[in-house]
Amino acid sequence: MKTSPPMSPSYYVGLMSGTSLDGIDAALVAIAPHSPPELIATHVSPMPQSLHNLLLNLCHAEQVNFAELAEAESAFCQLQANAVKALLIQEGVTAEQIHAIGSHGQTIEHAPDGHNGGPAYTLQLDNPSLLAELTGCTVVADFRRRDLAAGGQAAPLAPAFHQALFGHQGGEQLVLNLGGFANVTWLPSNAVAQVIGFDTGPANVLLDAWFSKHHNGRFDQNGTWAAGGQIDQTLLQQLLNEPFFHQPPPRSTGRELFHLAWLENKLTGDESAEDVQATLVELTAISVAQGIQQLPSRHNEVTLIVCGGGAHNTYLMARLAVQLPKAIFKSPADLGWPEDWIEAGAFAWLAHQRLHNLPGNLPSVTGASGLRVLGGIYAP
C-alpha cells in the first residue's frame, strides 16, 4: 500500500513591533500540516529614535495631526519592508517563496470597552498595501478588529498560537509573555477544556518608561537598577488598587491605561527613583501571580513557559520565583522557540490561518461570540 509523501512546509514571515517600540522583529516560519510551526530564521531591524519618538507621541496624543500620522505610517512600513528584505537575503529566500507576511502593525490605542461610553475600538498603525508593494509578498493584516466586531477584546491573540505551538507537549502548562504588557495562557491537560488567556497588567512598559526618564537608554538591563532599590509597600498597594487588576477575564489593556503619567500621579515626590523601579518590578510579579490564581489550574504548581523581553530581566524573574514558589520555569528555547520570537511567530501563523480560512481567535480568551477568521489579504 502506497502512502502519500509528506507535504513540504509553507513559508511565512511574521512581523511584530510591540509596546517597547524598539524595532521590527521579523520571523521566518515553516508551517506544515499536522506539525507545530517551526522557527527557521529571525531578523531585527532597530527602530530609529525619531520614529520611536513619533510613535510614542501618537500613542499619547489628545489630538492627532494627520500629516504626522502619515509620516509615522510610511516610516514604519518602510522599516517593516527593510526587515523582511534583510531576512530573506540573509536566508537566500525569494519573495515568491513566501506564502504571506503576517503584519501586526503598531498599536496606537486599544479600547475594547470603548471610551466614555463610545464604541469599542482598537487601532494598529499599518499600511499593508504599501508593504505588499515594497516586498512583492502577499500581506495579511488588521487581525484584531474582526474579533472586536464579534464582541471580543481583540486581545490577546497569541494564546491560539501558544496552543498550536505547545499544546502537543501534553500536561497542563502556562505560557507567560512578558512584553510591554504581561499576558498568560492556560493550556489545560484535558483536551476538552477550553484554553484561557488574558492580560495580567503592565510588564516592561512602565519599567522602560521610568528607566528612560532617569537614564540614557530604553531599558534596565537585567533589572540591575531595580535590584538596587527597595520595594515601597505603600506605593505598591496604591498601584495594585487599580480596578483593572480586579477585573475577571476576558480582559486586555494597553498604554491608554498604564503609562508614565498614570505612575507619576501615584507618587508623592519623595520616593527614590530606584525604589520606584523596584516597586514596578514587584507590581508585575504580583499581578502575574494574581492572574494565575484566577485560572482553573493548580495555580502555582505548574510548568511556566516564559517568553518576551522580560524573560531576560534577571531581577524580574527572581521576583516571579518568589511569588510563584512552586512553579517550574521553562524556556521556550528548549522547545525550539527562543523567548523573543513567540509573538512574531504568532503573526506568521495567523497569516497561515487566514489564507486557509481557519479561525485565529479563541472565544474563551477574547470573549468573542464565536470563532472567526482574522485579517484582510493584500496581494502584491
Protein backbone atom coordinates (compact mmCIF):
# COMPACT_ATOMS: atom_id res chain seq x y z
CA MET A 1 0.00 0.00 0.00
CA LYS A 2 1.41 3.35 -1.05
CA THR A 3 1.46 6.24 1.37
CA SER A 4 1.34 9.85 0.31
CA PRO A 5 4.65 11.68 0.70
CA PRO A 6 4.69 14.27 3.45
CA MET A 7 3.69 17.73 2.30
CA SER A 8 6.51 20.25 2.23
CA PRO A 9 6.15 23.18 4.60
CA SER A 10 4.93 26.60 3.56
CA TYR A 11 6.95 29.66 4.49
CA TYR A 12 5.55 32.72 6.21
CA VAL A 13 7.05 35.85 7.72
CA GLY A 14 5.67 37.27 10.96
CA LEU A 15 6.25 40.93 11.84
CA MET A 16 5.91 42.34 15.32
CA SER A 17 6.63 45.70 16.90
CA GLY A 18 5.49 45.68 20.49
CA THR A 19 4.85 48.42 23.01
CA SER A 20 8.59 48.74 23.62
CA LEU A 21 8.91 50.43 20.19
CA ASP A 22 12.49 49.22 19.92
CA GLY A 23 12.36 47.68 16.45
CA ILE A 24 10.70 45.31 14.00
CA ASP A 25 11.01 41.60 14.74
CA ALA A 26 10.80 39.50 11.56
CA ALA A 27 10.46 35.72 11.90
CA LEU A 28 10.64 33.21 9.05
CA VAL A 29 8.33 30.34 9.98
CA ALA A 30 7.71 27.00 8.28
CA ILE A 31 4.23 25.54 8.67
CA ALA A 32 3.36 22.01 7.62
CA PRO A 33 0.10 20.09 8.17
CA HIS A 34 -0.21 18.23 11.47
CA SER A 35 3.08 19.65 12.82
CA PRO A 36 3.87 22.52 15.18
CA PRO A 37 5.15 25.67 13.43
CA GLU A 38 8.94 25.74 13.06
CA LEU A 39 11.08 28.83 13.51
CA ILE A 40 13.58 28.95 10.63
CA ALA A 41 15.31 32.32 10.97
CA THR A 42 14.98 35.75 12.56
CA HIS A 43 16.00 39.34 11.97
CA VAL A 44 15.63 42.56 13.95
CA SER A 45 15.55 46.00 12.35
CA PRO A 46 16.16 48.51 15.16
CA MET A 47 13.75 51.43 15.29
CA PRO A 48 15.34 54.85 14.70
CA GLN A 49 14.93 57.19 17.65
CA SER A 50 12.98 59.67 15.53
CA LEU A 51 10.35 57.05 14.63
CA HIS A 52 10.30 55.78 18.22
CA ASN A 53 9.51 59.29 19.46
CA LEU A 54 6.91 59.90 16.76
CA LEU A 55 5.03 56.68 17.52
CA LEU A 56 5.23 57.27 21.27
CA ASN A 57 3.76 60.75 20.82
CA LEU A 58 0.91 59.34 18.73
CA CYS A 59 0.13 56.80 21.47
CA HIS A 60 -0.49 59.63 23.93
CA ALA A 61 -1.75 62.39 21.63
CA GLU A 62 -5.00 64.10 22.60
CA GLN A 63 -5.30 65.32 19.02
CA VAL A 64 -3.80 63.56 16.01
CA ASN A 65 -2.07 65.52 13.26
CA PHE A 66 -2.82 63.62 10.06
CA ALA A 67 0.46 64.64 8.41
CA GLU A 68 2.35 63.20 11.38
CA LEU A 69 0.20 60.08 11.24
CA ALA A 70 1.02 59.61 7.55
CA GLU A 71 4.71 60.24 8.21
CA ALA A 72 4.78 57.65 11.00
CA GLU A 73 2.87 55.09 8.96
CA SER A 74 5.14 55.47 5.94
CA ALA A 75 8.34 55.26 8.00
CA PHE A 76 7.00 52.29 9.98
CA CYS A 77 6.04 50.45 6.81
CA GLN A 78 9.43 51.11 5.23
CA LEU A 79 11.13 49.71 8.34
CA GLN A 80 8.93 46.60 8.11
CA ALA A 81 9.83 46.15 4.44
CA ASN A 82 13.53 46.54 5.22
CA ALA A 83 13.23 43.87 7.91
CA VAL A 84 11.55 41.44 5.51
CA LYS A 85 14.09 42.04 2.75
CA ALA A 86 17.03 41.65 5.13
CA LEU A 87 15.59 38.39 6.48
CA LEU A 88 15.05 36.95 3.00
CA ILE A 89 18.52 37.98 1.79
CA GLN A 90 20.03 36.52 4.97
CA GLU A 91 18.40 33.15 4.28
CA GLY A 92 18.63 33.13 0.48
CA VAL A 93 14.84 33.03 0.16
CA THR A 94 12.90 34.86 -2.56
CA ALA A 95 9.68 36.78 -2.14
CA GLU A 96 7.96 34.22 -4.36
CA GLN A 97 8.71 31.50 -1.80
CA ILE A 98 6.82 33.38 0.93
CA HIS A 99 3.14 32.48 1.11
CA ALA A 100 2.35 35.57 3.14
CA ILE A 101 3.60 38.16 5.60
CA GLY A 102 1.59 38.49 8.79
CA SER A 103 1.79 42.11 9.97
CA HIS A 104 0.52 43.07 13.40
CA GLY A 105 1.15 46.79 12.91
CA GLN A 106 1.89 49.20 15.74
CA THR A 107 -0.81 49.57 18.35
CA ILE A 108 -1.61 53.25 18.86
CA GLU A 109 -4.63 52.81 21.11
CA HIS A 110 -6.63 49.84 22.35
CA ALA A 111 -10.08 50.43 23.84
CA PRO A 112 -12.08 47.18 23.63
CA ASP A 113 -14.62 48.54 26.11
CA GLY A 114 -14.92 51.88 24.34
CA HIS A 115 -14.14 55.32 25.70
CA ASN A 116 -16.57 57.45 27.68
CA GLY A 117 -19.47 55.31 26.55
CA GLY A 118 -18.40 55.26 22.90
CA PRO A 119 -17.93 52.25 20.62
CA ALA A 120 -15.18 49.71 21.15
CA TYR A 121 -12.08 50.23 19.02
CA THR A 122 -8.51 49.13 18.57
CA LEU A 123 -6.09 50.95 16.26
CA GLN A 124 -2.94 49.42 14.80
CA LEU A 125 -0.94 51.80 12.61
CA ASP A 126 -0.08 49.88 9.43
CA ASN A 127 -0.12 50.10 5.64
CA PRO A 128 -0.39 46.54 4.29
CA SER A 129 -1.00 47.79 0.75
CA LEU A 130 2.34 49.60 0.75
CA LEU A 131 4.07 46.67 2.47
CA ALA A 132 2.85 44.33 -0.29
CA GLU A 133 4.11 46.79 -2.88
CA LEU A 134 7.53 47.16 -1.26
CA THR A 135 8.16 43.46 -0.61
CA GLY A 136 6.38 41.74 -3.50
CA CYS A 137 4.70 39.43 -0.97
CA THR A 138 1.08 38.84 -0.05
CA VAL A 139 0.37 40.60 3.25
CA VAL A 140 -2.22 39.66 5.87
CA ALA A 141 -3.01 42.43 8.35
CA ASP A 142 -5.73 44.00 10.52
CA PHE A 143 -6.15 40.88 12.64
CA ARG A 144 -7.74 42.40 15.71
CA ARG A 145 -10.87 44.17 14.51
CA ARG A 146 -12.68 41.03 13.33
CA ASP A 147 -12.62 39.64 16.85
CA LEU A 148 -13.68 43.04 18.18
CA ALA A 149 -16.61 43.08 15.75
CA ALA A 150 -17.72 39.73 17.21
CA GLY A 151 -17.84 41.25 20.69
CA GLY A 152 -14.34 40.20 21.75
CA GLN A 153 -11.49 42.10 23.35
CA ALA A 154 -9.38 41.64 20.18
CA ALA A 155 -6.55 40.64 22.51
CA PRO A 156 -4.59 38.73 23.41
CA LEU A 157 -4.35 36.81 20.12
CA ALA A 158 -1.17 34.88 20.93
CA PRO A 159 -2.90 32.18 23.06
CA ALA A 160 -4.25 30.45 19.92
CA PHE A 161 -0.66 30.25 18.67
CA HIS A 162 0.54 29.05 22.07
CA GLN A 163 -1.92 26.19 21.75
CA ALA A 164 -0.63 25.34 18.26
CA LEU A 165 2.97 25.58 19.41
CA PHE A 166 2.96 23.95 22.83
CA GLY A 167 -0.34 22.09 23.06
CA HIS A 168 1.20 18.84 21.81
CA GLN A 169 3.60 18.76 24.77
CA GLY A 170 0.92 17.20 26.97
CA GLY A 171 0.06 18.04 30.57
CA GLU A 172 -1.09 21.33 31.98
CA GLN A 173 1.09 24.28 31.03
CA LEU A 174 1.12 28.04 31.43
CA VAL A 175 2.67 30.38 28.89
CA LEU A 176 3.64 33.78 30.28
CA ASN A 177 4.52 36.58 27.87
CA LEU A 178 6.44 39.47 29.42
CA GLY A 179 6.38 42.10 26.71
CA GLY A 180 5.30 45.69 27.21
CA PHE A 181 2.35 44.08 28.94
CA ALA A 182 2.13 40.69 30.57
CA ASN A 183 -0.35 38.07 29.47
CA VAL A 184 -0.84 34.48 30.49
CA THR A 185 -2.19 31.48 28.58
CA TRP A 186 -3.50 28.37 30.33
CA LEU A 187 -3.14 25.20 28.25
CA PRO A 188 -5.17 22.52 30.06
CA SER A 189 -4.16 18.89 30.22
CA ASN A 190 -7.77 17.95 29.44
CA ALA A 191 -8.30 18.28 25.68
CA VAL A 192 -11.98 19.06 26.25
CA ALA A 193 -11.26 22.07 28.48
CA GLN A 194 -11.00 25.50 26.89
CA VAL A 195 -7.78 27.47 26.64
CA ILE A 196 -7.87 30.62 28.75
CA GLY A 197 -5.69 33.69 28.34
CA PHE A 198 -5.73 37.35 29.31
CA ASP A 199 -3.57 40.36 30.11
CA THR A 200 -2.44 40.46 33.73
CA GLY A 201 -1.14 44.03 33.61
CA PRO A 202 1.98 46.05 32.74
CA ALA A 203 5.38 44.47 32.38
CA ASN A 204 8.12 46.33 30.50
CA VAL A 205 6.03 49.35 29.53
CA LEU A 206 6.30 51.09 32.91
CA LEU A 207 9.77 49.74 33.68
CA ASP A 208 11.13 51.11 30.40
CA ALA A 209 9.36 54.46 30.73
CA TRP A 210 10.62 55.07 34.28
CA PHE A 211 14.15 53.93 33.40
CA SER A 212 14.28 56.20 30.32
CA LYS A 213 13.16 59.15 32.43
CA HIS A 214 16.20 58.77 34.69
CA HIS A 215 18.85 57.22 32.43
CA ASN A 216 20.14 57.24 28.90
CA GLY A 217 18.81 54.11 27.24
CA ARG A 218 15.47 52.42 26.75
CA PHE A 219 15.52 49.63 29.34
CA ASP A 220 17.03 48.44 32.61
CA GLN A 221 19.48 45.73 31.52
CA ASN A 222 18.92 42.58 33.62
CA GLY A 223 16.91 44.68 36.08
CA THR A 224 20.18 45.82 37.65
CA TRP A 225 18.90 49.27 38.60
CA ALA A 226 15.69 47.86 40.09
CA ALA A 227 17.64 45.26 42.06
CA GLY A 228 19.47 48.07 43.87
CA GLY A 229 16.24 49.58 45.16
CA GLN A 230 13.79 48.73 47.91
CA ILE A 231 10.14 47.82 47.33
CA ASP A 232 7.89 50.66 48.51
CA GLN A 233 4.95 48.77 50.02
CA THR A 234 2.75 51.87 50.30
CA LEU A 235 3.25 52.75 46.64
CA LEU A 236 2.83 49.11 45.63
CA GLN A 237 -0.57 48.93 47.28
CA GLN A 238 -1.67 52.14 45.57
CA LEU A 239 -0.67 50.71 42.21
CA LEU A 240 -2.45 47.41 42.90
CA ASN A 241 -5.65 49.29 43.75
CA GLU A 242 -6.12 49.97 40.03
CA PRO A 243 -9.51 48.40 39.12
CA PHE A 244 -8.06 46.58 36.10
CA PHE A 245 -6.23 44.14 38.38
CA HIS A 246 -9.53 43.05 39.90
CA GLN A 247 -11.49 42.54 36.69
CA PRO A 248 -12.35 38.95 35.74
CA PRO A 249 -11.25 37.68 32.32
CA PRO A 250 -11.63 38.25 29.45
CA ARG A 251 -9.56 41.40 29.78
CA SER A 252 -6.86 43.27 27.89
CA THR A 253 -5.09 46.57 28.34
CA GLY A 254 -2.51 48.91 26.85
CA ARG A 255 -0.72 52.26 27.04
CA GLU A 256 -4.03 54.11 27.24
CA LEU A 257 -4.27 52.95 30.88
CA PHE A 258 -0.75 52.13 32.04
CA HIS A 259 1.70 54.89 31.14
CA LEU A 260 4.19 57.21 32.81
CA ALA A 261 1.57 59.79 33.84
CA TRP A 262 -0.51 57.03 35.48
CA LEU A 263 2.51 56.14 37.61
CA GLU A 264 3.52 59.71 38.39
CA ASN A 265 0.01 60.51 39.63
CA LYS A 266 0.54 57.87 42.34
CA LEU A 267 3.84 59.35 43.56
CA THR A 268 4.32 61.79 46.44
CA GLY A 269 7.62 63.03 45.02
CA ASP A 270 9.64 61.84 48.00
CA GLU A 271 10.32 58.36 46.61
CA SER A 272 13.74 57.22 45.48
CA ALA A 273 13.70 56.67 41.71
CA GLU A 274 15.48 53.36 42.23
CA ASP A 275 12.86 52.27 44.77
CA VAL A 276 10.10 53.09 42.30
CA GLN A 277 11.76 50.84 39.72
CA ALA A 278 11.98 48.01 42.24
CA THR A 279 8.31 48.55 43.11
CA LEU A 280 7.30 48.40 39.43
CA VAL A 281 9.03 45.03 39.12
CA GLU A 282 7.09 43.81 42.15
CA LEU A 283 3.87 45.14 40.62
CA THR A 284 4.44 42.96 37.56
CA ALA A 285 5.36 39.90 39.61
CA ILE A 286 2.35 40.18 41.93
CA SER A 287 -0.16 40.98 39.18
CA VAL A 288 1.06 37.95 37.21
CA ALA A 289 0.71 35.74 40.29
CA GLN A 290 -2.77 37.14 40.99
CA GLY A 291 -3.74 36.49 37.39
CA ILE A 292 -2.60 32.89 37.62
CA GLN A 293 -4.75 32.47 40.71
CA GLN A 294 -7.78 33.26 38.52
CA LEU A 295 -7.12 30.25 36.31
CA PRO A 296 -8.81 26.85 36.78
CA SER A 297 -5.46 25.22 37.35
CA ARG A 298 -3.24 24.01 40.15
CA HIS A 299 -2.19 27.65 40.26
CA ASN A 300 1.48 28.00 41.12
CA GLU A 301 2.20 24.25 40.97
CA VAL A 302 2.62 24.28 37.22
CA THR A 303 5.13 24.45 34.39
CA LEU A 304 5.55 28.07 33.34
CA ILE A 305 6.95 28.78 29.86
CA VAL A 306 8.22 32.37 29.97
CA CYS A 307 8.70 34.40 26.80
CA GLY A 308 9.08 38.04 25.79
CA GLY A 309 11.79 40.56 26.58
CA GLY A 310 11.03 40.45 30.30
CA ALA A 311 12.30 36.87 30.40
CA HIS A 312 15.81 38.36 30.21
CA ASN A 313 15.22 40.60 33.23
CA THR A 314 17.06 38.66 35.94
CA TYR A 315 15.55 40.61 38.82
CA LEU A 316 12.00 40.31 37.49
CA MET A 317 12.41 36.56 37.07
CA ALA A 318 13.72 36.30 40.64
CA ARG A 319 10.69 38.18 41.98
CA LEU A 320 8.36 35.96 39.95
CA ALA A 321 10.03 32.93 41.52
CA VAL A 322 9.27 34.40 44.96
CA GLN A 323 5.62 34.99 44.08
CA LEU A 324 5.28 31.55 42.42
CA PRO A 325 7.50 29.36 44.62
CA LYS A 326 6.19 26.03 43.28
CA ALA A 327 6.25 26.92 39.59
CA ILE A 328 8.70 25.16 37.30
CA PHE A 329 10.13 27.80 34.98
CA LYS A 330 10.89 26.64 31.45
CA SER A 331 12.41 28.42 28.48
CA PRO A 332 10.60 28.11 25.14
CA ALA A 333 14.09 27.88 23.61
CA ASP A 334 14.14 24.29 24.90
CA LEU A 335 11.23 23.70 22.51
CA GLY A 336 12.85 25.42 19.54
CA TRP A 337 11.44 28.91 20.04
CA PRO A 338 13.69 31.48 21.77
CA GLU A 339 11.95 33.82 24.22
CA ASP A 340 11.97 36.85 21.93
CA TRP A 341 10.33 35.26 18.91
CA ILE A 342 6.97 33.88 20.04
CA GLU A 343 4.95 36.99 19.17
CA ALA A 344 6.43 37.48 15.70
CA GLY A 345 5.88 33.77 15.10
CA ALA A 346 2.26 34.15 16.15
CA PHE A 347 1.53 36.56 13.31
CA ALA A 348 3.19 34.31 10.76
CA TRP A 349 0.85 31.55 11.99
CA LEU A 350 -2.16 33.89 11.93
CA ALA A 351 -1.36 34.73 8.29
CA HIS A 352 -1.38 30.99 7.53
CA GLN A 353 -4.73 30.64 9.28
CA ARG A 354 -6.20 33.47 7.19
CA LEU A 355 -5.02 32.09 3.87
CA HIS A 356 -6.58 28.73 4.75
CA ASN A 357 -9.82 30.29 6.05
CA LEU A 358 -9.17 28.92 9.52
CA PRO A 359 -10.05 30.75 12.76
CA GLY A 360 -7.34 32.74 14.51
CA ASN A 361 -9.10 33.68 17.73
CA LEU A 362 -10.19 31.76 20.79
CA PRO A 363 -13.56 32.95 22.15
CA SER A 364 -12.63 31.53 25.56
CA VAL A 365 -9.75 34.03 25.57
CA THR A 366 -11.15 37.17 23.95
CA GLY A 367 -14.83 36.81 24.81
CA ALA A 368 -15.89 36.92 21.14
CA SER A 369 -19.24 35.33 20.26
CA GLY A 370 -17.50 32.61 18.24
CA LEU A 371 -14.51 31.51 16.22
CA ARG A 372 -13.56 33.97 13.50
CA VAL A 373 -11.18 34.09 10.54
CA LEU A 374 -8.97 37.11 11.25
CA GLY A 375 -7.29 39.61 8.96
CA GLY A 376 -7.50 41.02 5.47
CA ILE A 377 -5.45 39.85 2.48
CA TYR A 378 -3.41 42.28 0.37
CA ALA A 379 -1.94 40.79 -2.79
CA PRO A 380 1.34 42.15 -4.18
